N, C-alpha and C. Protein backbone atom coordinates (compact mmCIF):
# COMPACT_ATOMS: atom_id res chain seq x y z
N MET A 1 21.85 -92.83 -33.39
CA MET A 1 22.47 -91.95 -34.37
C MET A 1 23.84 -92.48 -34.73
N GLY A 2 24.33 -92.08 -35.88
CA GLY A 2 25.65 -92.48 -36.33
C GLY A 2 26.63 -91.34 -36.23
N VAL A 3 27.84 -91.65 -36.55
CA VAL A 3 28.90 -90.66 -36.53
C VAL A 3 29.30 -90.38 -37.97
N GLU A 4 29.26 -89.09 -38.35
CA GLU A 4 29.68 -88.74 -39.71
C GLU A 4 31.19 -88.89 -39.80
N ARG A 5 31.62 -89.57 -40.84
CA ARG A 5 33.04 -89.84 -41.05
C ARG A 5 33.50 -89.05 -42.27
N GLY A 6 34.74 -89.23 -42.62
CA GLY A 6 35.30 -88.56 -43.78
C GLY A 6 34.45 -88.76 -45.02
N GLN A 7 34.44 -87.79 -45.89
CA GLN A 7 33.75 -87.82 -47.17
C GLN A 7 32.22 -87.90 -47.02
N GLY A 8 31.70 -87.55 -45.86
CA GLY A 8 30.26 -87.47 -45.68
C GLY A 8 29.55 -88.77 -45.35
N TYR A 9 30.26 -89.86 -45.17
CA TYR A 9 29.63 -91.12 -44.79
C TYR A 9 29.19 -91.05 -43.33
N VAL A 10 28.11 -91.72 -43.02
CA VAL A 10 27.67 -91.89 -41.64
C VAL A 10 27.78 -93.38 -41.32
N VAL A 11 28.56 -93.70 -40.29
CA VAL A 11 28.70 -95.09 -39.84
C VAL A 11 27.85 -95.23 -38.59
N ARG A 12 26.94 -96.21 -38.63
CA ARG A 12 26.00 -96.38 -37.52
C ARG A 12 25.52 -97.81 -37.46
N ALA A 13 24.89 -98.15 -36.34
CA ALA A 13 24.29 -99.47 -36.18
C ALA A 13 23.00 -99.55 -37.00
N VAL A 14 22.71 -100.73 -37.47
CA VAL A 14 21.47 -101.00 -38.20
C VAL A 14 20.30 -100.87 -37.24
N ARG A 15 19.19 -100.38 -37.75
CA ARG A 15 17.95 -100.30 -36.97
C ARG A 15 17.02 -101.45 -37.37
N GLU A 16 16.23 -101.90 -36.43
CA GLU A 16 15.37 -103.07 -36.62
C GLU A 16 14.48 -102.96 -37.85
N GLU A 17 13.93 -101.79 -38.09
CA GLU A 17 13.00 -101.63 -39.20
C GLU A 17 13.70 -101.62 -40.57
N GLU A 18 15.01 -101.68 -40.60
CA GLU A 18 15.77 -101.65 -41.85
C GLU A 18 16.08 -103.05 -42.39
N TRP A 19 15.30 -104.03 -41.98
CA TRP A 19 15.59 -105.41 -42.38
C TRP A 19 15.62 -105.59 -43.89
N GLY A 20 14.81 -104.87 -44.62
CA GLY A 20 14.83 -104.98 -46.08
C GLY A 20 16.15 -104.50 -46.67
N ASP A 21 16.69 -103.43 -46.10
CA ASP A 21 17.99 -102.93 -46.55
C ASP A 21 19.11 -103.90 -46.17
N VAL A 22 18.98 -104.52 -45.00
CA VAL A 22 19.96 -105.53 -44.56
C VAL A 22 19.99 -106.66 -45.58
N LYS A 23 18.82 -107.11 -45.97
CA LYS A 23 18.71 -108.20 -46.96
C LYS A 23 19.32 -107.78 -48.29
N ARG A 24 18.97 -106.60 -48.78
CA ARG A 24 19.47 -106.14 -50.08
C ARG A 24 21.00 -106.02 -50.09
N LEU A 25 21.56 -105.47 -49.01
CA LEU A 25 23.02 -105.32 -48.97
C LEU A 25 23.71 -106.68 -48.94
N ARG A 26 23.16 -107.62 -48.16
CA ARG A 26 23.76 -108.95 -48.10
C ARG A 26 23.69 -109.64 -49.46
N LEU A 27 22.56 -109.54 -50.14
CA LEU A 27 22.44 -110.15 -51.46
C LEU A 27 23.40 -109.51 -52.46
N ASP A 28 23.55 -108.20 -52.38
CA ASP A 28 24.53 -107.52 -53.25
C ASP A 28 25.94 -108.01 -52.94
N ALA A 29 26.26 -108.17 -51.65
CA ALA A 29 27.59 -108.65 -51.26
C ALA A 29 27.85 -110.04 -51.83
N LEU A 30 26.83 -110.87 -51.83
CA LEU A 30 26.99 -112.24 -52.32
C LEU A 30 27.10 -112.31 -53.84
N ARG A 31 26.81 -111.21 -54.52
CA ARG A 31 27.01 -111.13 -55.98
C ARG A 31 28.42 -110.66 -56.34
N ASP A 32 29.18 -110.21 -55.36
CA ASP A 32 30.54 -109.71 -55.60
C ASP A 32 31.39 -110.83 -56.19
N PRO A 33 32.29 -110.52 -57.12
CA PRO A 33 33.11 -111.56 -57.75
C PRO A 33 33.97 -112.38 -56.77
N VAL A 34 34.32 -111.83 -55.61
CA VAL A 34 35.11 -112.61 -54.64
C VAL A 34 34.26 -113.10 -53.47
N ALA A 35 32.96 -113.08 -53.62
CA ALA A 35 32.08 -113.52 -52.53
C ALA A 35 32.38 -114.95 -52.10
N HIS A 36 32.75 -115.79 -53.04
CA HIS A 36 33.04 -117.19 -52.70
C HIS A 36 34.24 -117.30 -51.75
N LEU A 37 35.10 -116.27 -51.72
CA LEU A 37 36.24 -116.25 -50.80
C LEU A 37 35.89 -115.58 -49.47
N ALA A 38 34.87 -114.75 -49.48
CA ALA A 38 34.61 -113.91 -48.31
C ALA A 38 33.42 -114.37 -47.47
N PHE A 39 32.50 -115.12 -48.03
CA PHE A 39 31.27 -115.47 -47.31
C PHE A 39 31.07 -116.97 -47.31
N LEU A 40 30.40 -117.44 -46.28
CA LEU A 40 30.17 -118.88 -46.13
C LEU A 40 28.80 -119.31 -46.63
N GLU A 41 28.13 -118.44 -47.38
CA GLU A 41 26.84 -118.81 -47.96
C GLU A 41 26.79 -118.31 -49.39
N THR A 42 25.89 -118.86 -50.14
CA THR A 42 25.72 -118.45 -51.53
C THR A 42 24.57 -117.46 -51.66
N TYR A 43 24.55 -116.78 -52.78
CA TYR A 43 23.44 -115.87 -53.07
C TYR A 43 22.12 -116.63 -53.04
N GLU A 44 22.09 -117.80 -53.66
CA GLU A 44 20.86 -118.58 -53.76
C GLU A 44 20.33 -118.96 -52.37
N ASP A 45 21.22 -119.37 -51.48
CA ASP A 45 20.80 -119.74 -50.12
C ASP A 45 20.23 -118.53 -49.38
N ALA A 46 20.92 -117.39 -49.48
CA ALA A 46 20.46 -116.19 -48.78
C ALA A 46 19.15 -115.67 -49.36
N ALA A 47 19.03 -115.69 -50.68
CA ALA A 47 17.81 -115.19 -51.32
C ALA A 47 16.59 -116.03 -50.97
N ALA A 48 16.80 -117.29 -50.65
CA ALA A 48 15.69 -118.18 -50.32
C ALA A 48 15.20 -118.04 -48.88
N LYS A 49 15.92 -117.31 -48.06
CA LYS A 49 15.52 -117.16 -46.65
C LYS A 49 14.27 -116.29 -46.54
N PRO A 50 13.39 -116.64 -45.62
CA PRO A 50 12.14 -115.87 -45.47
C PRO A 50 12.38 -114.50 -44.84
N ASP A 51 11.42 -113.62 -45.00
CA ASP A 51 11.52 -112.28 -44.42
C ASP A 51 11.77 -112.33 -42.92
N ALA A 52 11.19 -113.30 -42.23
CA ALA A 52 11.36 -113.42 -40.77
C ALA A 52 12.84 -113.56 -40.40
N PHE A 53 13.61 -114.26 -41.23
CA PHE A 53 15.05 -114.39 -40.98
C PHE A 53 15.70 -113.01 -40.99
N TRP A 54 15.40 -112.20 -42.00
CA TRP A 54 16.02 -110.88 -42.15
C TRP A 54 15.54 -109.92 -41.07
N GLN A 55 14.29 -110.06 -40.67
CA GLN A 55 13.76 -109.22 -39.58
C GLN A 55 14.50 -109.54 -38.28
N GLU A 56 14.72 -110.81 -38.01
CA GLU A 56 15.45 -111.20 -36.80
C GLU A 56 16.89 -110.73 -36.87
N ARG A 57 17.48 -110.84 -38.03
CA ARG A 57 18.88 -110.40 -38.20
C ARG A 57 19.02 -108.91 -37.93
N ALA A 58 18.08 -108.12 -38.42
CA ALA A 58 18.13 -106.67 -38.21
C ALA A 58 17.83 -106.28 -36.77
N ALA A 59 17.08 -107.13 -36.06
CA ALA A 59 16.73 -106.83 -34.67
C ALA A 59 17.96 -106.89 -33.75
N GLN A 60 18.99 -107.62 -34.16
CA GLN A 60 20.26 -107.66 -33.44
C GLN A 60 20.10 -107.90 -31.95
N GLY A 61 19.96 -109.12 -31.60
CA GLY A 61 19.86 -109.47 -30.18
C GLY A 61 21.13 -109.16 -29.42
N ARG A 62 21.12 -109.52 -28.17
CA ARG A 62 22.28 -109.30 -27.31
C ARG A 62 23.50 -110.02 -27.89
N GLY A 63 24.60 -109.33 -27.92
CA GLY A 63 25.84 -109.94 -28.37
C GLY A 63 26.11 -109.87 -29.85
N VAL A 64 25.34 -109.08 -30.58
CA VAL A 64 25.59 -108.91 -32.01
C VAL A 64 25.23 -107.49 -32.42
N ARG A 65 26.06 -106.91 -33.28
CA ARG A 65 25.78 -105.56 -33.78
C ARG A 65 26.29 -105.47 -35.21
N GLN A 66 25.42 -105.01 -36.11
CA GLN A 66 25.80 -104.75 -37.50
C GLN A 66 25.90 -103.26 -37.69
N PHE A 67 27.01 -102.84 -38.28
CA PHE A 67 27.24 -101.44 -38.60
C PHE A 67 27.22 -101.26 -40.10
N ILE A 68 26.64 -100.16 -40.54
CA ILE A 68 26.64 -99.85 -41.96
C ILE A 68 27.26 -98.47 -42.16
N ALA A 69 27.76 -98.26 -43.35
CA ALA A 69 28.26 -96.96 -43.77
C ALA A 69 27.25 -96.43 -44.78
N GLU A 70 26.64 -95.31 -44.44
CA GLU A 70 25.64 -94.69 -45.29
C GLU A 70 26.30 -93.55 -46.06
N ALA A 71 26.24 -93.63 -47.39
CA ALA A 71 26.83 -92.59 -48.23
C ALA A 71 25.97 -91.33 -48.15
N PRO A 72 26.51 -90.18 -48.58
CA PRO A 72 25.76 -88.93 -48.49
C PRO A 72 24.37 -88.98 -49.12
N GLY A 73 24.18 -89.77 -50.17
CA GLY A 73 22.87 -89.87 -50.81
C GLY A 73 21.94 -90.89 -50.16
N GLY A 74 22.40 -91.53 -49.09
CA GLY A 74 21.58 -92.51 -48.38
C GLY A 74 21.86 -93.96 -48.73
N GLU A 75 22.62 -94.20 -49.81
CA GLU A 75 22.96 -95.58 -50.18
C GLU A 75 23.82 -96.23 -49.10
N TRP A 76 23.57 -97.50 -48.83
CA TRP A 76 24.41 -98.26 -47.91
C TRP A 76 25.65 -98.69 -48.67
N ALA A 77 26.79 -98.13 -48.29
CA ALA A 77 28.04 -98.36 -48.99
C ALA A 77 28.78 -99.59 -48.50
N GLY A 78 28.52 -100.01 -47.27
CA GLY A 78 29.22 -101.17 -46.74
C GLY A 78 28.72 -101.54 -45.37
N SER A 79 29.24 -102.66 -44.87
CA SER A 79 28.76 -103.20 -43.61
C SER A 79 29.81 -104.07 -42.93
N VAL A 80 29.72 -104.12 -41.63
CA VAL A 80 30.53 -105.00 -40.78
C VAL A 80 29.62 -105.46 -39.65
N THR A 81 29.69 -106.73 -39.30
CA THR A 81 28.94 -107.27 -38.17
C THR A 81 29.92 -107.82 -37.16
N VAL A 82 29.65 -107.60 -35.88
CA VAL A 82 30.49 -108.13 -34.80
C VAL A 82 29.63 -108.97 -33.87
N LEU A 83 30.10 -110.18 -33.61
CA LEU A 83 29.46 -111.10 -32.67
C LEU A 83 30.33 -111.18 -31.42
N VAL A 84 29.72 -111.23 -30.25
CA VAL A 84 30.48 -111.42 -29.02
C VAL A 84 30.52 -112.91 -28.71
N GLU A 85 31.72 -113.42 -28.52
CA GLU A 85 31.92 -114.81 -28.12
C GLU A 85 32.34 -114.80 -26.65
N GLU A 86 31.54 -115.45 -25.82
CA GLU A 86 31.75 -115.42 -24.37
C GLU A 86 32.83 -116.40 -23.93
N ALA A 87 33.68 -115.97 -23.00
CA ALA A 87 34.69 -116.85 -22.40
C ALA A 87 33.99 -118.04 -21.75
N GLY A 88 34.56 -119.21 -21.96
CA GLY A 88 33.99 -120.43 -21.39
C GLY A 88 33.00 -121.10 -22.31
N GLY A 89 32.62 -120.43 -23.38
CA GLY A 89 31.69 -121.02 -24.35
C GLY A 89 32.46 -121.66 -25.49
N THR A 90 31.74 -121.93 -26.56
CA THR A 90 32.37 -122.45 -27.76
C THR A 90 32.02 -121.55 -28.93
N ASP A 91 32.89 -121.52 -29.91
CA ASP A 91 32.64 -120.69 -31.08
C ASP A 91 31.85 -121.49 -32.12
N TRP A 92 31.61 -120.91 -33.28
CA TRP A 92 30.83 -121.49 -34.36
C TRP A 92 31.40 -122.83 -34.82
N ALA A 93 32.71 -123.05 -34.61
CA ALA A 93 33.35 -124.29 -35.06
C ALA A 93 33.45 -125.33 -33.94
N GLY A 94 32.94 -124.98 -32.75
CA GLY A 94 32.99 -125.91 -31.63
C GLY A 94 34.26 -125.81 -30.80
N ASN A 95 35.10 -124.83 -31.09
CA ASN A 95 36.33 -124.63 -30.32
C ASN A 95 36.04 -123.83 -29.06
N ALA A 96 36.78 -124.12 -28.00
CA ALA A 96 36.61 -123.41 -26.74
C ALA A 96 37.02 -121.95 -26.91
N VAL A 97 36.22 -121.07 -26.32
CA VAL A 97 36.55 -119.64 -26.31
C VAL A 97 37.20 -119.36 -24.96
N GLU A 98 38.46 -118.98 -24.99
CA GLU A 98 39.22 -118.82 -23.76
C GLU A 98 38.99 -117.49 -23.07
N ARG A 99 38.68 -116.46 -23.85
CA ARG A 99 38.43 -115.13 -23.27
C ARG A 99 37.37 -114.44 -24.11
N GLN A 100 36.69 -113.51 -23.49
CA GLN A 100 35.64 -112.80 -24.22
C GLN A 100 36.25 -112.07 -25.40
N GLN A 101 35.61 -112.26 -26.56
CA GLN A 101 36.16 -111.65 -27.76
C GLN A 101 35.06 -111.27 -28.73
N GLY A 102 35.37 -110.29 -29.56
CA GLY A 102 34.50 -109.95 -30.66
C GLY A 102 34.92 -110.75 -31.87
N HIS A 103 33.97 -111.09 -32.71
CA HIS A 103 34.26 -111.83 -33.94
C HIS A 103 33.63 -111.05 -35.10
N VAL A 104 34.46 -110.48 -35.95
CA VAL A 104 34.01 -109.69 -37.10
C VAL A 104 33.63 -110.64 -38.23
N VAL A 105 32.43 -110.45 -38.77
CA VAL A 105 31.94 -111.25 -39.89
C VAL A 105 31.22 -110.33 -40.88
N GLY A 106 30.94 -110.86 -42.05
CA GLY A 106 30.10 -110.14 -43.01
C GLY A 106 30.67 -108.81 -43.47
N VAL A 107 31.98 -108.72 -43.63
CA VAL A 107 32.61 -107.47 -44.05
C VAL A 107 32.38 -107.28 -45.56
N PHE A 108 31.84 -106.12 -45.91
CA PHE A 108 31.60 -105.83 -47.33
C PHE A 108 31.56 -104.33 -47.55
N VAL A 109 32.24 -103.89 -48.60
CA VAL A 109 32.15 -102.50 -49.08
C VAL A 109 31.89 -102.58 -50.57
N ARG A 110 30.87 -101.86 -51.02
CA ARG A 110 30.55 -101.86 -52.44
C ARG A 110 31.77 -101.39 -53.25
N PRO A 111 31.99 -101.99 -54.42
CA PRO A 111 33.18 -101.65 -55.22
C PRO A 111 33.39 -100.16 -55.45
N GLU A 112 32.31 -99.42 -55.70
CA GLU A 112 32.45 -97.99 -55.99
C GLU A 112 32.82 -97.16 -54.75
N HIS A 113 32.82 -97.77 -53.58
CA HIS A 113 33.17 -97.08 -52.34
C HIS A 113 34.49 -97.59 -51.75
N ARG A 114 35.17 -98.46 -52.46
CA ARG A 114 36.43 -99.02 -51.96
C ARG A 114 37.59 -98.08 -52.22
N GLY A 115 38.64 -98.27 -51.43
CA GLY A 115 39.88 -97.53 -51.63
C GLY A 115 39.92 -96.15 -51.01
N ASN A 116 38.93 -95.81 -50.18
CA ASN A 116 38.89 -94.48 -49.58
C ASN A 116 38.95 -94.50 -48.05
N GLY A 117 39.28 -95.67 -47.49
CA GLY A 117 39.38 -95.77 -46.03
C GLY A 117 38.08 -96.13 -45.34
N LEU A 118 37.03 -96.37 -46.10
CA LEU A 118 35.74 -96.67 -45.49
C LEU A 118 35.77 -97.96 -44.68
N ILE A 119 36.52 -98.97 -45.15
CA ILE A 119 36.60 -100.22 -44.40
C ILE A 119 37.19 -99.97 -43.01
N GLN A 120 38.14 -99.06 -42.93
CA GLN A 120 38.72 -98.72 -41.62
C GLN A 120 37.67 -98.12 -40.70
N GLU A 121 36.82 -97.25 -41.24
CA GLU A 121 35.77 -96.63 -40.44
C GLU A 121 34.78 -97.67 -39.91
N LEU A 122 34.42 -98.60 -40.78
CA LEU A 122 33.50 -99.66 -40.35
C LEU A 122 34.14 -100.55 -39.28
N LEU A 123 35.39 -100.94 -39.52
CA LEU A 123 36.08 -101.78 -38.53
C LEU A 123 36.26 -101.03 -37.22
N ASP A 124 36.58 -99.75 -37.28
CA ASP A 124 36.72 -98.95 -36.05
C ASP A 124 35.43 -98.96 -35.24
N ALA A 125 34.29 -98.82 -35.92
CA ALA A 125 33.00 -98.82 -35.21
C ALA A 125 32.74 -100.18 -34.58
N GLY A 126 33.00 -101.25 -35.32
CA GLY A 126 32.78 -102.59 -34.80
C GLY A 126 33.70 -102.92 -33.64
N VAL A 127 34.96 -102.56 -33.76
CA VAL A 127 35.92 -102.82 -32.69
C VAL A 127 35.57 -102.00 -31.44
N ALA A 128 35.20 -100.74 -31.63
CA ALA A 128 34.82 -99.90 -30.47
C ALA A 128 33.63 -100.52 -29.74
N TRP A 129 32.66 -101.03 -30.49
CA TRP A 129 31.52 -101.67 -29.85
C TRP A 129 31.96 -102.93 -29.09
N ALA A 130 32.86 -103.72 -29.69
CA ALA A 130 33.35 -104.92 -29.01
C ALA A 130 34.05 -104.56 -27.70
N TRP A 131 34.85 -103.48 -27.70
CA TRP A 131 35.51 -103.04 -26.47
C TRP A 131 34.46 -102.64 -25.43
N GLU A 132 33.40 -101.98 -25.87
CA GLU A 132 32.31 -101.60 -24.94
C GLU A 132 31.65 -102.84 -24.32
N GLN A 133 31.70 -103.96 -25.04
CA GLN A 133 31.12 -105.22 -24.54
C GLN A 133 32.14 -106.00 -23.69
N GLU A 134 33.25 -105.34 -23.37
CA GLU A 134 34.32 -105.90 -22.54
C GLU A 134 35.09 -107.03 -23.21
N ALA A 135 35.14 -107.00 -24.54
CA ALA A 135 35.97 -107.96 -25.26
C ALA A 135 37.43 -107.70 -24.96
N GLU A 136 38.20 -108.78 -24.87
CA GLU A 136 39.64 -108.66 -24.64
C GLU A 136 40.42 -108.66 -25.95
N ARG A 137 39.78 -109.15 -26.99
CA ARG A 137 40.36 -109.11 -28.33
C ARG A 137 39.23 -109.18 -29.34
N VAL A 138 39.55 -108.84 -30.57
CA VAL A 138 38.60 -108.94 -31.68
C VAL A 138 39.30 -109.74 -32.77
N ARG A 139 38.58 -110.70 -33.32
CA ARG A 139 39.17 -111.54 -34.37
C ARG A 139 38.28 -111.59 -35.59
N LEU A 140 38.87 -112.09 -36.66
CA LEU A 140 38.16 -112.33 -37.91
C LEU A 140 38.90 -113.41 -38.66
N PHE A 141 38.24 -113.98 -39.64
CA PHE A 141 38.88 -114.95 -40.51
C PHE A 141 38.85 -114.40 -41.92
N VAL A 142 39.94 -114.64 -42.65
CA VAL A 142 40.05 -114.16 -44.02
C VAL A 142 40.64 -115.29 -44.86
N HIS A 143 40.09 -115.46 -46.05
CA HIS A 143 40.53 -116.54 -46.93
C HIS A 143 42.00 -116.34 -47.29
N ALA A 144 42.73 -117.43 -47.33
CA ALA A 144 44.16 -117.38 -47.66
C ALA A 144 44.40 -116.81 -49.06
N ASP A 145 43.43 -116.93 -49.95
CA ASP A 145 43.56 -116.43 -51.32
C ASP A 145 42.89 -115.07 -51.54
N ASN A 146 42.76 -114.29 -50.48
CA ASN A 146 42.12 -112.97 -50.58
C ASN A 146 43.10 -111.90 -50.07
N PRO A 147 44.15 -111.61 -50.85
CA PRO A 147 45.15 -110.64 -50.38
C PRO A 147 44.61 -109.23 -50.20
N ARG A 148 43.60 -108.84 -50.98
CA ARG A 148 43.03 -107.50 -50.83
C ARG A 148 42.46 -107.33 -49.43
N ALA A 149 41.66 -108.30 -48.98
CA ALA A 149 41.08 -108.23 -47.64
C ALA A 149 42.16 -108.34 -46.57
N GLN A 150 43.12 -109.22 -46.77
CA GLN A 150 44.21 -109.35 -45.79
C GLN A 150 44.93 -108.02 -45.60
N GLY A 151 45.19 -107.31 -46.70
CA GLY A 151 45.85 -106.01 -46.62
C GLY A 151 45.02 -104.99 -45.85
N ALA A 152 43.71 -104.99 -46.08
CA ALA A 152 42.83 -104.06 -45.37
C ALA A 152 42.86 -104.34 -43.87
N TYR A 153 42.84 -105.61 -43.50
CA TYR A 153 42.85 -105.96 -42.07
C TYR A 153 44.19 -105.63 -41.42
N LEU A 154 45.27 -105.84 -42.14
CA LEU A 154 46.59 -105.46 -41.61
C LEU A 154 46.67 -103.95 -41.39
N ARG A 155 46.18 -103.18 -42.36
CA ARG A 155 46.19 -101.71 -42.22
C ARG A 155 45.32 -101.27 -41.05
N ALA A 156 44.30 -102.05 -40.71
CA ALA A 156 43.40 -101.71 -39.60
C ALA A 156 43.98 -102.14 -38.26
N GLY A 157 45.15 -102.77 -38.27
CA GLY A 157 45.81 -103.16 -37.02
C GLY A 157 45.67 -104.61 -36.63
N PHE A 158 44.91 -105.38 -37.40
CA PHE A 158 44.78 -106.81 -37.11
C PHE A 158 46.06 -107.52 -37.52
N GLU A 159 46.42 -108.55 -36.76
CA GLU A 159 47.63 -109.32 -37.03
C GLU A 159 47.27 -110.80 -37.20
N PRO A 160 47.98 -111.51 -38.09
CA PRO A 160 47.74 -112.95 -38.20
C PRO A 160 48.13 -113.64 -36.89
N THR A 161 47.31 -114.59 -36.45
CA THR A 161 47.60 -115.30 -35.20
C THR A 161 48.32 -116.62 -35.45
N GLY A 162 48.32 -117.09 -36.69
CA GLY A 162 48.89 -118.39 -37.00
C GLY A 162 47.85 -119.50 -37.08
N LEU A 163 46.63 -119.23 -36.58
CA LEU A 163 45.57 -120.22 -36.66
C LEU A 163 45.03 -120.27 -38.09
N VAL A 164 44.98 -121.47 -38.64
CA VAL A 164 44.46 -121.70 -39.98
C VAL A 164 43.36 -122.75 -39.85
N VAL A 165 42.19 -122.46 -40.42
CA VAL A 165 41.07 -123.40 -40.36
C VAL A 165 40.52 -123.60 -41.77
N SER A 166 39.76 -124.67 -41.91
CA SER A 166 39.06 -124.93 -43.16
C SER A 166 37.59 -125.04 -42.84
N PHE A 167 36.77 -124.28 -43.55
CA PHE A 167 35.33 -124.28 -43.32
C PHE A 167 34.62 -125.34 -44.16
N SER A 168 35.36 -125.98 -45.02
CA SER A 168 34.74 -126.98 -45.87
C SER A 168 35.58 -128.26 -45.83
N LYS A 169 35.10 -129.26 -46.50
CA LYS A 169 35.83 -130.53 -46.57
C LYS A 169 37.07 -130.40 -47.45
N ASN A 170 37.11 -129.34 -48.25
CA ASN A 170 38.24 -129.10 -49.13
C ASN A 170 39.34 -128.40 -48.34
N GLU A 171 40.40 -129.10 -48.07
CA GLU A 171 41.50 -128.55 -47.26
C GLU A 171 42.19 -127.37 -47.93
N ASP A 172 41.97 -127.18 -49.23
CA ASP A 172 42.56 -126.04 -49.93
C ASP A 172 41.84 -124.74 -49.57
N GLU A 173 40.67 -124.84 -49.01
CA GLU A 173 39.88 -123.67 -48.60
C GLU A 173 40.32 -123.25 -47.20
N ARG A 174 41.45 -122.58 -47.12
CA ARG A 174 42.02 -122.21 -45.83
C ARG A 174 41.64 -120.78 -45.45
N GLU A 175 41.27 -120.62 -44.20
CA GLU A 175 40.96 -119.31 -43.63
C GLU A 175 41.99 -119.00 -42.56
N LEU A 176 42.51 -117.79 -42.57
CA LEU A 176 43.51 -117.35 -41.61
C LEU A 176 42.85 -116.48 -40.55
N GLU A 177 43.16 -116.75 -39.30
CA GLU A 177 42.64 -115.90 -38.22
C GLU A 177 43.56 -114.69 -38.06
N PHE A 178 42.94 -113.51 -38.02
CA PHE A 178 43.62 -112.26 -37.68
C PHE A 178 42.98 -111.75 -36.40
N ALA A 179 43.76 -111.11 -35.54
CA ALA A 179 43.19 -110.61 -34.29
C ALA A 179 43.80 -109.27 -33.92
N LEU A 180 43.05 -108.56 -33.13
CA LEU A 180 43.46 -107.27 -32.58
C LEU A 180 43.25 -107.36 -31.07
N ASP A 181 44.35 -107.26 -30.32
CA ASP A 181 44.24 -107.33 -28.87
C ASP A 181 44.01 -105.94 -28.30
N ARG A 182 43.34 -105.92 -27.18
CA ARG A 182 43.03 -104.66 -26.49
C ARG A 182 44.28 -104.03 -25.96
């Protein structure tokens, strides 16, 4: 079950049988005008993935949880996914993970649901789950040219760590790490 939040939204974890909705929301997110700043895949790449990919994604194995915000009419208004990175392991970029941490990815709120605090509700759910997984901090990366997202993360309590990475060969594509310590 989810928790009803302000304005009638219910924030809850995705259920395995909702893989079709997971796919639809991700494809909608990748159509957003700033998707190229927020996501590391294109609409075309995601749309070409087989149903088995989306079914596995919705099944959410150990160490991953996707939360959605369901509007009063049942529409999925937004989503946040948190991955647990284990101390002693390596992260997606091959860097050593020094302490157990949550990694927020796939943040999206539909344009018509923005500006009402919903992103905070989604982040709160994801961070609370990371704390339950014994994370010592929660981090995320945000594009240097995405001030709207940076502002949302700052309001949610995340702070820039000073780490800057590039996910592509283009050094102008800089991502800033923000983190929230326990």
